[in-house]
């Protein structure tokens, strides 16, 4: 019988049970691929991460990321949650206020800071995105899947940041909150496009704390709706930059996500010409071990 250290971390929140949980196995070197996938399926969270030996001295640690059904090269909230868990356990130490994560998508730089209340915030540099605009017929199909009109002056794109998200902009935040997609059709669509899923977003009025409301759907990965999605928000930020809307949204703004599934997550986004950052807070909900 073997025990491995385990934490469950709520990400993009400072309040337990309001963000997006990720399971983190802190020493996974002895686990096979099949065991990792089995554990990820058992936790039944959108992602479970496994910390394994790094392969380059440039990294502070290496992580593998699994959904209940498959492995991902990169994902946002698992990146922040894993860094939080390792820092809390004293297994890594920041250098010059940051960390470097190794994953299948390459090396990812993370920056540590504190907010006005003295709480730690972790932000990652989004892997360089590639964007492919959808064809007109694909946009029509996506509208049918969502059952909602898309702002066609900003053509939806397949945004690859390691995770591959189809990003579409709706008329406003209220339209995003009201959306009821057809998950079976979306699953088939995502499988054909080799996409992780679909991200929709819409703008709030100026008096709202957040600039946008975001939702992320990934039925092809076994998760109909991801509560608060880092890579999805990063893909949205890349879409905003690509479509020339930074003047409308700003180069730094706050996104909210999770209300439709009983959460209250907040993501801090920064957009520069050559860099996108995605940040937020994290809090541990479970600290213990898994018996194998």
Protein backbone atom coordinates (compact mmCIF):
# COMPACT_ATOMS: atom_id res chain seq x y z
CA UNK A 1 0.00 0.00 0.00
CA UNK A 2 1.36 3.42 -1.02
CA UNK A 3 0.32 6.93 -0.07
CA UNK A 4 0.94 10.01 -2.20
CA UNK A 5 0.46 13.59 -1.01
CA UNK A 6 -2.67 15.24 -2.34
CA UNK A 7 -4.32 18.66 -2.22
CA UNK A 8 -7.55 19.98 -3.66
CA UNK A 9 -7.27 23.68 -4.41
CA UNK A 10 -10.00 26.16 -5.28
CA UNK A 11 -8.70 28.53 -7.97
CA UNK A 12 -9.70 32.05 -9.03
CA UNK A 13 -11.22 32.76 -5.63
CA UNK A 14 -10.15 33.68 -2.11
CA UNK A 15 -13.31 32.03 -0.72
CA UNK A 16 -13.47 28.25 -0.43
CA UNK A 17 -16.02 26.45 -2.60
CA UNK A 18 -16.57 29.48 -4.88
CA UNK A 19 -13.88 28.91 -7.53
CA UNK A 20 -12.77 26.04 -9.73
CA UNK A 21 -11.27 23.08 -7.87
CA UNK A 22 -8.23 21.21 -9.13
CA UNK A 23 -6.80 18.06 -7.58
CA UNK A 24 -3.01 18.06 -7.23
CA UNK A 25 -0.94 14.90 -6.68
CA UNK A 26 2.34 16.30 -5.37
CA UNK A 27 4.66 13.33 -6.06
CA UNK A 28 3.48 11.30 -9.04
CA UNK A 29 6.76 9.85 -10.32
CA UNK A 30 5.75 6.29 -9.43
CA UNK A 31 2.40 6.44 -11.20
CA UNK A 32 1.73 5.04 -14.67
CA UNK A 33 -0.21 6.92 -17.32
CA UNK A 34 -3.13 4.57 -16.73
CA UNK A 35 -3.09 5.27 -12.98
CA UNK A 36 -3.03 9.03 -13.57
CA UNK A 37 -6.00 8.79 -15.91
CA UNK A 38 -7.86 6.56 -13.45
CA UNK A 39 -7.30 9.02 -10.59
CA UNK A 40 -8.41 11.94 -12.78
CA UNK A 41 -11.55 10.04 -13.72
CA UNK A 42 -12.19 9.27 -10.04
CA UNK A 43 -11.78 12.85 -8.80
CA UNK A 44 -14.32 13.81 -11.49
CA UNK A 45 -12.98 17.36 -11.56
CA UNK A 46 -12.37 19.27 -14.77
CA UNK A 47 -8.64 18.68 -14.24
CA UNK A 48 -6.29 16.75 -11.98
CA UNK A 49 -2.56 17.47 -12.04
CA UNK A 50 0.41 15.24 -11.32
CA UNK A 51 3.77 16.69 -10.33
CA UNK A 52 6.63 14.65 -11.82
CA UNK A 53 10.38 15.05 -12.18
CA UNK A 54 11.36 17.95 -14.41
CA UNK A 55 13.40 17.35 -17.53
CA UNK A 56 15.11 20.75 -17.74
CA UNK A 57 17.02 22.86 -15.25
CA UNK A 58 15.13 25.90 -16.55
CA UNK A 59 11.96 24.73 -14.77
CA UNK A 60 11.11 24.68 -11.07
CA UNK A 61 8.79 21.68 -11.53
CA UNK A 62 6.96 19.66 -14.18
CA UNK A 63 3.27 18.88 -14.27
CA UNK A 64 0.99 16.61 -16.28
CA UNK A 65 -2.65 17.63 -16.58
CA UNK A 66 -5.58 15.23 -17.01
CA UNK A 67 -9.31 15.70 -17.49
CA UNK A 68 -11.59 12.78 -16.53
CA UNK A 69 -11.20 11.51 -20.12
CA UNK A 70 -7.82 12.64 -21.52
CA UNK A 71 -4.52 14.43 -21.00
CA UNK A 72 -4.07 18.13 -21.85
CA UNK A 73 -0.81 19.86 -22.83
CA UNK A 74 -1.77 22.95 -20.83
CA UNK A 75 -4.64 24.35 -18.77
CA UNK A 76 -5.01 27.57 -16.82
CA UNK A 77 -6.57 26.96 -13.42
CA UNK A 78 -4.51 23.75 -12.91
CA UNK A 79 -1.37 25.81 -13.53
CA UNK A 80 -2.26 28.30 -10.78
CA UNK A 81 -3.60 25.59 -8.44
CA UNK A 82 -0.50 23.42 -8.79
CA UNK A 83 1.81 26.37 -8.12
CA UNK A 84 -0.25 27.28 -5.03
CA UNK A 85 -0.12 23.69 -3.73
CA UNK A 86 3.65 23.38 -4.23
CA UNK A 87 4.35 26.75 -2.62
CA UNK A 88 2.11 25.91 0.35
CA UNK A 89 3.84 22.54 0.80
CA UNK A 90 7.28 24.17 0.65
CA UNK A 91 8.29 22.06 -2.36
CA UNK A 92 9.23 25.03 -4.55
CA UNK A 93 10.56 28.50 -3.87
CA UNK A 94 10.06 31.52 -6.13
CA UNK A 95 13.03 33.17 -7.79
CA UNK A 96 12.79 36.89 -8.56
CA UNK A 97 9.11 36.78 -7.65
CA UNK A 98 8.22 33.96 -10.02
CA UNK A 99 8.25 30.29 -10.95
CA UNK A 100 8.71 28.35 -14.18
CA UNK A 101 6.40 25.41 -14.85
CA UNK A 102 7.27 22.68 -17.32
CA UNK A 103 4.33 21.00 -19.07
CA UNK A 104 3.57 19.39 -22.43
CA UNK A 105 3.02 22.85 -23.96
CA UNK A 106 6.52 23.94 -22.91
CA UNK A 107 7.79 26.26 -20.20
CA UNK A 108 5.26 28.59 -18.57
CA UNK A 109 6.36 31.59 -16.49
CA UNK A 110 4.32 32.46 -13.38
CA UNK A 111 4.49 35.73 -11.44
CA UNK A 112 3.62 36.08 -7.74
CA UNK A 113 2.18 39.24 -6.23
CA UNK A 114 -0.10 40.35 -3.41
CA UNK A 115 -3.36 42.26 -3.61
CA UNK A 116 -4.51 45.19 -1.49
CA UNK A 117 -5.55 42.80 1.32
CA UNK A 118 -2.15 41.09 1.34
CA UNK A 119 -3.44 37.91 -0.33
CA UNK A 120 -1.25 36.07 -2.80
CA UNK A 121 -2.10 36.25 -6.48
CA UNK A 122 -0.52 33.97 -9.08
CA UNK A 123 -0.50 34.87 -12.77
CA UNK A 124 0.80 32.85 -15.69
CA UNK A 125 2.05 33.96 -19.07
CA UNK A 126 -0.25 32.43 -21.66
CA UNK A 127 1.52 30.21 -24.20
CA UNK A 128 1.74 31.96 -27.56
CA UNK A 129 -1.75 31.64 -29.07
CA UNK A 130 -2.59 30.78 -32.66
CA UNK A 131 -5.99 31.86 -34.02
CA UNK A 132 -7.95 30.45 -36.93
CA UNK A 133 -11.19 32.27 -37.88
CA UNK A 134 -14.19 30.02 -38.46
CA UNK A 135 -15.75 29.77 -41.91
CA UNK A 136 -19.22 31.26 -42.35
CA UNK A 137 -20.89 27.83 -42.36
CA UNK A 138 -19.07 26.97 -39.12
CA UNK A 139 -20.32 30.17 -37.51
CA UNK A 140 -23.88 29.21 -38.46
CA UNK A 141 -23.40 25.76 -37.00
CA UNK A 142 -22.03 27.26 -33.79
CA UNK A 143 -25.05 29.56 -33.48
CA UNK A 144 -27.28 26.49 -33.83
CA UNK A 145 -25.34 24.69 -31.09
CA UNK A 146 -25.54 27.70 -28.77
CA UNK A 147 -29.09 28.63 -29.72
CA UNK A 148 -27.95 32.26 -29.66
CA UNK A 149 -26.79 34.99 -32.02
CA UNK A 150 -23.06 35.69 -32.24
CA UNK A 151 -21.56 39.12 -32.89
CA UNK A 152 -20.51 38.36 -36.45
CA UNK A 153 -18.44 41.52 -36.89
CA UNK A 154 -15.98 39.73 -34.58
CA UNK A 155 -15.78 36.36 -36.29
CA UNK A 156 -15.41 33.41 -33.88
CA UNK A 157 -11.97 31.78 -33.88
CA UNK A 158 -10.39 28.52 -32.88
CA UNK A 159 -7.77 29.72 -30.40
CA UNK A 160 -4.96 27.30 -29.60
CA UNK A 161 -3.14 28.01 -26.31
CA UNK A 162 -2.30 24.36 -25.63
CA UNK A 163 -5.97 23.86 -24.89
CA UNK A 164 -7.94 24.61 -28.08
CA UNK A 165 -11.02 26.78 -27.57
CA UNK A 166 -13.59 28.00 -30.07
CA UNK A 167 -14.20 31.57 -28.84
CA UNK A 168 -17.39 33.49 -29.67
CA UNK A 169 -18.58 36.90 -28.52
CA UNK A 170 -22.25 37.43 -27.64
CA UNK A 171 -24.15 40.71 -27.43
CA UNK A 172 -23.64 41.24 -23.70
CA UNK A 173 -23.06 39.53 -20.35
CA UNK A 174 -26.79 38.85 -19.89
CA UNK A 175 -26.89 36.85 -23.14
CA UNK A 176 -23.95 34.78 -21.90
CA UNK A 177 -25.68 34.03 -18.59
CA UNK A 178 -28.91 33.04 -20.37
CA UNK A 179 -27.26 30.68 -22.85
CA UNK A 180 -28.39 27.04 -22.94
CA UNK A 181 -26.22 25.13 -25.44
CA UNK A 182 -26.85 21.72 -26.96
CA UNK A 183 -24.07 19.71 -25.34
CA UNK A 184 -24.42 16.63 -27.55
CA UNK A 185 -24.06 18.70 -30.71
CA UNK A 186 -21.21 20.63 -29.14
CA UNK A 187 -19.40 17.42 -28.24
CA UNK A 188 -19.57 16.20 -31.84
CA UNK A 189 -18.49 19.62 -33.11
CA UNK A 190 -15.51 19.77 -30.72
CA UNK A 191 -14.37 16.27 -31.66
CA UNK A 192 -14.46 17.11 -35.37
CA UNK A 193 -12.52 20.34 -34.78
CA UNK A 194 -10.12 18.69 -32.32
CA UNK A 195 -11.19 21.43 -29.91
CA UNK A 196 -11.24 21.36 -26.12
CA UNK A 197 -14.60 23.14 -26.22
CA UNK A 198 -16.34 26.48 -26.65
CA UNK A 199 -15.87 29.76 -24.76
CA UNK A 200 -18.51 32.49 -24.94
CA UNK A 201 -18.24 35.96 -23.45
CA UNK A 202 -20.11 39.23 -23.31
CA UNK A 203 -19.48 42.69 -21.92
CA UNK A 204 -20.97 44.09 -18.73
CA UNK A 205 -22.20 47.65 -18.34
CA UNK A 206 -19.66 50.12 -16.95
CA UNK A 207 -21.04 49.93 -13.39
CA UNK A 208 -20.25 46.22 -12.96
CA UNK A 209 -17.18 45.06 -11.01
CA UNK A 210 -16.12 42.78 -13.87
CA UNK A 211 -15.70 43.81 -17.47
CA UNK A 212 -17.00 40.57 -18.98
CA UNK A 213 -18.92 37.42 -18.13
CA UNK A 214 -17.37 34.21 -19.44
CA UNK A 215 -18.55 30.63 -19.77
CA UNK A 216 -16.54 27.62 -20.97
CA UNK A 217 -18.11 24.38 -22.21
CA UNK A 218 -16.06 21.20 -22.72
CA UNK A 219 -18.42 18.22 -23.16
CA UNK A 220 -15.85 16.46 -25.40
CA UNK A 221 -13.53 16.35 -22.36
CA UNK A 222 -16.24 15.04 -20.04
CA UNK A 223 -17.08 18.44 -18.50
CA UNK A 224 -20.22 20.17 -19.80
CA UNK A 225 -19.34 23.47 -18.10
CA UNK A 226 -16.03 24.38 -16.52
CA UNK A 227 -16.73 26.62 -13.51
CA UNK A 228 -13.82 29.06 -13.93
CA UNK A 229 -11.42 28.43 -16.79
CA UNK A 230 -7.95 29.98 -17.02
CA UNK A 231 -7.00 28.82 -20.52
CA UNK A 232 -10.47 29.74 -21.77
CA UNK A 233 -10.13 33.26 -20.38
CA UNK A 234 -6.67 33.51 -21.88
CA UNK A 235 -8.05 32.41 -25.24
CA UNK A 236 -10.74 35.08 -24.90
CA UNK A 237 -8.07 37.71 -24.22
CA UNK A 238 -6.18 36.57 -27.34
CA UNK A 239 -9.43 36.89 -29.30
CA UNK A 240 -9.99 40.44 -27.99
CA UNK A 241 -6.45 41.39 -29.01
CA UNK A 242 -6.79 39.75 -32.45
CA UNK A 243 -10.10 41.50 -33.18
CA UNK A 244 -8.77 44.93 -32.18
CA UNK A 245 -10.99 45.40 -29.13
CA UNK A 246 -8.43 46.30 -26.47
CA UNK A 247 -9.60 49.92 -26.53
CA UNK A 248 -13.12 48.70 -25.77
CA UNK A 249 -12.20 46.31 -22.97
CA UNK A 250 -8.87 47.78 -21.81
CA UNK A 251 -5.44 46.18 -21.60
CA UNK A 252 -6.12 45.05 -18.01
CA UNK A 253 -9.56 43.99 -16.86
CA UNK A 254 -11.45 41.59 -14.63
CA UNK A 255 -13.53 38.69 -15.93
CA UNK A 256 -16.16 36.85 -13.89
CA UNK A 257 -17.23 33.26 -14.39
CA UNK A 258 -19.14 30.51 -12.60
CA UNK A 259 -22.48 32.06 -11.59
CA UNK A 260 -24.39 29.56 -13.75
CA UNK A 261 -22.95 26.67 -11.74
CA UNK A 262 -23.09 28.27 -8.29
CA UNK A 263 -19.55 29.67 -8.21
CA UNK A 264 -18.08 33.17 -8.12
CA UNK A 265 -14.71 33.23 -9.83
CA UNK A 266 -12.66 36.25 -10.89
CA UNK A 267 -9.81 36.29 -13.37
CA UNK A 268 -7.33 39.14 -13.81
CA UNK A 269 -6.33 39.55 -17.46
CA UNK A 270 -3.52 41.58 -18.97
CA UNK A 271 -3.08 42.12 -22.71
CA UNK A 272 0.11 43.42 -24.36
CA UNK A 273 1.20 43.19 -27.98
CA UNK A 274 3.50 40.28 -27.23
CA UNK A 275 2.13 38.86 -23.98
CA UNK A 276 -1.12 37.86 -22.28
CA UNK A 277 -1.27 37.18 -18.54
CA UNK A 278 -3.98 35.33 -16.62
CA UNK A 279 -4.06 35.59 -12.84
CA UNK A 280 -6.05 34.96 -9.72
CA UNK A 281 -6.07 33.77 -6.15
CA UNK A 282 -6.26 30.23 -4.80
CA UNK A 283 -7.17 28.54 -1.53
CA UNK A 284 -6.70 24.93 -0.35
CA UNK A 285 -9.84 22.97 0.54
CA UNK A 286 -8.40 19.47 1.08
CA UNK A 287 -4.91 18.56 2.32
CA UNK A 288 -3.99 14.92 2.79
CA UNK A 289 -2.99 11.85 0.81
CA UNK A 290 -4.33 9.27 -1.63
CA UNK A 291 -3.88 5.60 -0.80
CA UNK A 292 -2.91 3.46 -3.82
